[in-house]
Amino acid sequence: TVETAHRLVMIFFFVMPVMMGGFGNWLLPYYWEGPDMHFPRLNNFSFWTLPWALDLAVVSLFTESGSGTGWTLYPPLSTYLYMGKSVDLTVFSLHLAGVGSIFGSINFIVTVRGMKLVDMHQLSMFPISMFVTGHLLGVALPVLAGGLTMLITDRHFNTSFFYPVGG
């Protein structure tokens, strides 16, 4: 359970926010010589979802001995037969962190597209990497949210997305 919490916190609450959010918010305005990102309120919302999501992740560690499902929330281990409310808190934590990351990615994409240069090939590698990473997160995180939603409906609404017996 401690390993699961450590992996979730490191991936979703350290690597993604610090590398994408922290360095991106700090360095992208320097590249386009502006005062801030294009949508500062969206940026603020994306930042303030992380402490709430981290709080849910930490509370899930101390609820019913944590969610020992691995950082992938492996479905046989995360079903209602094996784990209790700690998995629900972890899933809601990842939903909230995903929403913040999607909004931050939208802000990065718009900021890089709005730079004063004419063509994308005139940009340096950092804005291009933020642009590509924003697109990758914008594609991957809704899929993660869909999988988490299917897991929650399996756990509470008697659906059978991850149950082979259900058909």
C-alpha atoms as a PDB file:
ATOM      1  CA  THR A   1       0.000   0.000   0.000  1.00  0.00           C
ATOM      2  CA  VAL A   2       2.848   2.402   0.718  1.00  0.00           C
ATOM      3  CA  GLU A   3       4.419   1.442  -2.609  1.00  0.00           C
ATOM      4  CA  THR A   4       1.161   2.174  -4.430  1.00  0.00           C
ATOM      5  CA  ALA A   5       0.816   5.568  -2.748  1.00  0.00           C
ATOM      6  CA  HIS A   6       4.449   6.414  -3.439  1.00  0.00           C
ATOM      7  CA  ARG A   7       4.142   5.563  -7.116  1.00  0.00           C
ATOM      8  CA  LEU A   8       0.896   7.491  -7.536  1.00  0.00           C
ATOM      9  CA  VAL A   9       2.274  10.549  -5.770  1.00  0.00           C
ATOM     10  CA  MET A  10       5.522  10.498  -7.725  1.00  0.00           C
ATOM     11  CA  ILE A  11       3.888  10.092 -11.134  1.00  0.00           C
ATOM     12  CA  PHE A  12       0.717  12.154 -10.847  1.00  0.00           C
ATOM     13  CA  PHE A  13       1.707  14.707  -8.213  1.00  0.00           C
ATOM     14  CA  PHE A  14       5.426  15.254  -8.751  1.00  0.00           C
ATOM     15  CA  VAL A  15       6.690  14.340 -12.208  1.00  0.00           C
ATOM     16  CA  MET A  16       3.759  15.634 -14.250  1.00  0.00           C
ATOM     17  CA  PRO A  17       3.079  18.844 -12.275  1.00  0.00           C
ATOM     18  CA  VAL A  18       6.723  19.804 -11.729  1.00  0.00           C
ATOM     19  CA  MET A  19       8.072  18.944 -15.150  1.00  0.00           C
ATOM     20  CA  MET A  20       5.070  20.066 -17.188  1.00  0.00           C
ATOM     21  CA  GLY A  21       3.371  22.624 -14.970  1.00  0.00           C
ATOM     22  CA  GLY A  22       6.258  24.082 -13.025  1.00  0.00           C
ATOM     23  CA  PHE A  23       8.900  24.429 -15.704  1.00  0.00           C
ATOM     24  CA  GLY A  24       6.325  25.175 -18.374  1.00  0.00           C
ATOM     25  CA  ASN A  25       4.708  28.017 -16.440  1.00  0.00           C
ATOM     26  CA  TRP A  26       8.091  29.395 -15.554  1.00  0.00           C
ATOM     27  CA  LEU A  27       9.827  29.181 -18.922  1.00  0.00           C
ATOM     28  CA  LEU A  28       7.161  29.520 -21.629  1.00  0.00           C
ATOM     29  CA  PRO A  29       6.409  33.212 -20.887  1.00  0.00           C
ATOM     30  CA  TYR A  30      10.128  33.909 -21.344  1.00  0.00           C
ATOM     31  CA  TYR A  31      10.058  32.337 -24.784  1.00  0.00           C
ATOM     32  CA  TRP A  32       7.195  34.438 -26.047  1.00  0.00           C
ATOM     33  CA  GLU A  33       8.273  37.495 -24.019  1.00  0.00           C
ATOM     34  CA  GLY A  34       4.952  37.851 -22.291  1.00  0.00           C
ATOM     35  CA  PRO A  35       3.966  38.400 -18.679  1.00  0.00           C
ATOM     36  CA  ASP A  36       2.131  35.100 -18.194  1.00  0.00           C
ATOM     37  CA  MET A  37       0.485  32.201 -19.942  1.00  0.00           C
ATOM     38  CA  HIS A  38      -2.438  32.974 -22.270  1.00  0.00           C
ATOM     39  CA  PHE A  39      -5.146  31.863 -19.819  1.00  0.00           C
ATOM     40  CA  PRO A  40      -3.939  32.678 -16.295  1.00  0.00           C
ATOM     41  CA  ARG A  41      -7.243  31.768 -14.617  1.00  0.00           C
ATOM     42  CA  LEU A  42      -7.308  28.379 -16.297  1.00  0.00           C
ATOM     43  CA  ASN A  43      -3.733  27.999 -15.155  1.00  0.00           C
ATOM     44  CA  ASN A  44      -4.774  28.903 -11.607  1.00  0.00           C
ATOM     45  CA  PHE A  45      -7.615  26.375 -11.666  1.00  0.00           C
ATOM     46  CA  SER A  46      -5.260  23.713 -12.960  1.00  0.00           C
ATOM     47  CA  PHE A  47      -2.822  24.482 -10.131  1.00  0.00           C
ATOM     48  CA  TRP A  48      -5.394  24.466  -7.329  1.00  0.00           C
ATOM     49  CA  THR A  49      -6.872  21.115  -8.283  1.00  0.00           C
ATOM     50  CA  LEU A  50      -3.581  19.433  -7.381  1.00  0.00           C
ATOM     51  CA  PRO A  51      -3.564  20.066  -3.601  1.00  0.00           C
ATOM     52  CA  TRP A  52      -7.109  18.734  -3.307  1.00  0.00           C
ATOM     53  CA  ALA A  53      -6.246  15.682  -5.374  1.00  0.00           C
ATOM     54  CA  LEU A  54      -3.086  15.118  -3.333  1.00  0.00           C
ATOM     55  CA  ASP A  55      -5.129  15.365  -0.131  1.00  0.00           C
ATOM     56  CA  LEU A  56      -7.462  12.659  -1.426  1.00  0.00           C
ATOM     57  CA  ALA A  57      -4.473  10.472  -2.337  1.00  0.00           C
ATOM     58  CA  VAL A  58      -2.954  10.870   1.136  1.00  0.00           C
ATOM     59  CA  VAL A  59      -6.293  10.192   2.841  1.00  0.00           C
ATOM     60  CA  SER A  60      -6.651   7.033   0.735  1.00  0.00           C
ATOM     61  CA  LEU A  61      -3.314   5.829   2.121  1.00  0.00           C
ATOM     62  CA  PHE A  62      -4.660   5.944   5.669  1.00  0.00           C
ATOM     63  CA  THR A  63      -8.151   4.619   4.885  1.00  0.00           C
ATOM     64  CA  GLU A  64      -8.602   0.884   5.391  1.00  0.00           C
ATOM     65  CA  SER A  65      -4.854   0.222   5.149  1.00  0.00           C
ATOM     66  CA  GLY A  66      -4.582   1.913   1.748  1.00  0.00           C
ATOM     67  CA  SER A  67      -5.221   0.779  -1.769  1.00  0.00           C
ATOM     68  CA  GLY A  68      -2.736  -1.962  -2.505  1.00  0.00           C
ATOM     69  CA  THR A  69      -3.533  -2.157  -6.187  1.00  0.00           C
ATOM     70  CA  GLY A  70      -0.334  -0.884  -7.757  1.00  0.00           C
ATOM     71  CA  TRP A  71      -0.095   2.462  -9.519  1.00  0.00           C
ATOM     72  CA  THR A  72      -2.051   1.084 -12.469  1.00  0.00           C
ATOM     73  CA  LEU A  73      -5.079   0.244 -10.262  1.00  0.00           C
ATOM     74  CA  TYR A  74      -5.059  -3.276 -11.642  1.00  0.00           C
ATOM     75  CA  PRO A  75      -8.759  -4.263 -11.988  1.00  0.00           C
ATOM     76  CA  PRO A  76      -8.804  -7.660 -10.276  1.00  0.00           C
ATOM     77  CA  LEU A  77      -7.093  -6.105  -7.253  1.00  0.00           C
ATOM     78  CA  SER A  78      -9.166  -2.929  -7.322  1.00  0.00           C
ATOM     79  CA  THR A  79     -12.586  -4.589  -7.427  1.00  0.00           C
ATOM     80  CA  TYR A  80     -14.966  -4.332  -4.526  1.00  0.00           C
ATOM     81  CA  LEU A  81     -14.197  -7.907  -3.487  1.00  0.00           C
ATOM     82  CA  TYR A  82     -10.614  -7.042  -2.554  1.00  0.00           C
ATOM     83  CA  MET A  83     -10.453  -3.347  -1.690  1.00  0.00           C
ATOM     84  CA  GLY A  84     -12.777  -0.881  -0.015  1.00  0.00           C
ATOM     85  CA  LYS A  85     -13.115   2.885   0.195  1.00  0.00           C
ATOM     86  CA  SER A  86      -9.412   3.561  -0.233  1.00  0.00           C
ATOM     87  CA  VAL A  87      -9.617   2.662  -3.924  1.00  0.00           C
ATOM     88  CA  ASP A  88     -12.571   5.018  -4.348  1.00  0.00           C
ATOM     89  CA  LEU A  89     -10.566   7.867  -2.830  1.00  0.00           C
ATOM     90  CA  THR A  90      -7.618   7.037  -5.078  1.00  0.00           C
ATOM     91  CA  VAL A  91      -9.829   6.986  -8.177  1.00  0.00           C
ATOM     92  CA  PHE A  92     -11.417  10.336  -7.305  1.00  0.00           C
ATOM     93  CA  SER A  93      -7.962  11.729  -6.607  1.00  0.00           C
ATOM     94  CA  LEU A  94      -6.750  10.693 -10.045  1.00  0.00           C
ATOM     95  CA  HIS A  95      -9.912  12.088 -11.657  1.00  0.00           C
ATOM     96  CA  LEU A  96      -9.307  15.471 -10.052  1.00  0.00           C
ATOM     97  CA  ALA A  97      -5.612  15.486 -10.939  1.00  0.00           C
ATOM     98  CA  GLY A  98      -6.504  14.516 -14.504  1.00  0.00           C
ATOM     99  CA  VAL A  99      -8.959  17.394 -14.857  1.00  0.00           C
ATOM    100  CA  GLY A 100      -6.303  19.836 -13.694  1.00  0.00           C
ATOM    101  CA  SER A 101      -3.732  18.357 -16.069  1.00  0.00           C
ATOM    102  CA  ILE A 102      -6.114  18.537 -19.024  1.00  0.00           C
ATOM    103  CA  PHE A 103      -6.826  22.210 -18.389  1.00  0.00           C
ATOM    104  CA  GLY A 104      -3.121  22.908 -17.956  1.00  0.00           C
ATOM    105  CA  SER A 105      -2.395  21.099 -21.225  1.00  0.00           C
ATOM    106  CA  ILE A 106      -4.978  23.217 -23.038  1.00  0.00           C
ATOM    107  CA  ASN A 107      -3.294  26.320 -21.679  1.00  0.00           C
ATOM    108  CA  PHE A 108       0.142  25.152 -22.836  1.00  0.00           C
ATOM    109  CA  ILE A 109      -1.121  24.308 -26.321  1.00  0.00           C
ATOM    110  CA  VAL A 110      -2.803  27.699 -26.716  1.00  0.00           C
ATOM    111  CA  THR A 111       0.222  29.546 -25.346  1.00  0.00           C
ATOM    112  CA  VAL A 112       2.661  27.863 -27.724  1.00  0.00           C
ATOM    113  CA  ARG A 113       0.310  28.350 -30.696  1.00  0.00           C
ATOM    114  CA  GLY A 114      -0.074  32.003 -29.779  1.00  0.00           C
ATOM    115  CA  MET A 115       3.639  32.772 -29.779  1.00  0.00           C
ATOM    116  CA  LYS A 116       4.671  35.612 -32.067  1.00  0.00           C
ATOM    117  CA  LEU A 117       6.655  33.433 -34.448  1.00  0.00           C
ATOM    118  CA  VAL A 118       5.213  32.611 -37.842  1.00  0.00           C
ATOM    119  CA  ASP A 119       6.062  28.909 -38.120  1.00  0.00           C
ATOM    120  CA  MET A 120       6.439  26.126 -35.579  1.00  0.00           C
ATOM    121  CA  HIS A 121       9.837  25.194 -37.039  1.00  0.00           C
ATOM    122  CA  GLN A 122      11.237  28.526 -35.815  1.00  0.00           C
ATOM    123  CA  LEU A 123      10.606  27.624 -32.185  1.00  0.00           C
ATOM    124  CA  SER A 124      13.226  26.125 -29.914  1.00  0.00           C
ATOM    125  CA  MET A 125      12.880  22.609 -28.536  1.00  0.00           C
ATOM    126  CA  PHE A 126      11.345  23.504 -25.165  1.00  0.00           C
ATOM    127  CA  PRO A 127       8.129  25.108 -26.473  1.00  0.00           C
ATOM    128  CA  ILE A 128       7.792  22.333 -29.025  1.00  0.00           C
ATOM    129  CA  SER A 129       8.181  19.702 -26.302  1.00  0.00           C
ATOM    130  CA  MET A 130       5.547  21.458 -24.184  1.00  0.00           C
ATOM    131  CA  PHE A 131       3.252  21.605 -27.215  1.00  0.00           C
ATOM    132  CA  VAL A 132       3.667  17.894 -27.976  1.00  0.00           C
ATOM    133  CA  THR A 133       3.343  16.900 -24.312  1.00  0.00           C
ATOM    134  CA  GLY A 134       0.184  18.988 -24.033  1.00  0.00           C
ATOM    135  CA  HIS A 135      -1.307  17.109 -26.971  1.00  0.00           C
ATOM    136  CA  LEU A 136      -0.248  13.752 -25.536  1.00  0.00           C
ATOM    137  CA  LEU A 137      -1.813  14.559 -22.171  1.00  0.00           C
ATOM    138  CA  GLY A 138      -4.935  15.856 -23.876  1.00  0.00           C
ATOM    139  CA  VAL A 139      -5.303  12.506 -25.633  1.00  0.00           C
ATOM    140  CA  ALA A 140      -4.208  10.164 -22.829  1.00  0.00           C
ATOM    141  CA  LEU A 141      -5.913  11.648 -19.776  1.00  0.00           C
ATOM    142  CA  PRO A 142      -9.507  11.351 -21.043  1.00  0.00           C
ATOM    143  CA  VAL A 143      -8.787   7.680 -21.735  1.00  0.00           C
ATOM    144  CA  LEU A 144      -7.491   7.306 -18.169  1.00  0.00           C
ATOM    145  CA  ALA A 145     -10.604   9.075 -16.883  1.00  0.00           C
ATOM    146  CA  GLY A 146     -12.800   6.719 -18.900  1.00  0.00           C
ATOM    147  CA  GLY A 147     -11.053   3.692 -17.440  1.00  0.00           C
ATOM    148  CA  LEU A 148     -11.364   5.088 -13.928  1.00  0.00           C
ATOM    149  CA  THR A 149     -15.049   5.786 -14.488  1.00  0.00           C
ATOM    150  CA  MET A 150     -15.575   2.226 -15.712  1.00  0.00           C
ATOM    151  CA  LEU A 151     -13.795   0.982 -12.582  1.00  0.00           C
ATOM    152  CA  ILE A 152     -16.056   3.060 -10.331  1.00  0.00           C
ATOM    153  CA  THR A 153     -19.178   1.834 -12.120  1.00  0.00           C
ATOM    154  CA  ASP A 154     -17.948  -1.750 -11.758  1.00  0.00           C
ATOM    155  CA  ARG A 155     -17.423  -1.213  -8.072  1.00  0.00           C
ATOM    156  CA  HIS A 156     -20.692   0.555  -7.257  1.00  0.00           C
ATOM    157  CA  PHE A 157     -23.255   0.147 -10.039  1.00  0.00           C
ATOM    158  CA  ASN A 158     -22.890  -3.554 -10.855  1.00  0.00           C
ATOM    159  CA  THR A 159     -21.574  -3.106 -14.389  1.00  0.00           C
ATOM    160  CA  SER A 160     -19.125  -5.600 -15.877  1.00  0.00           C
ATOM    161  CA  PHE A 161     -16.437  -3.675 -17.749  1.00  0.00           C
ATOM    162  CA  PHE A 162     -13.597  -5.483 -15.987  1.00  0.00           C
ATOM    163  CA  TYR A 163     -15.434  -8.665 -14.957  1.00  0.00           C
ATOM    164  CA  PRO A 164     -15.008 -11.448 -17.510  1.00  0.00           C
ATOM    165  CA  VAL A 165     -17.997 -13.286 -16.021  1.00  0.00           C
ATOM    166  CA  GLY A 166     -20.293 -10.350 -16.908  1.00  0.00           C
ATOM    167  CA  GLY A 167     -19.974 -10.902 -20.631  1.00  0.00           C
END
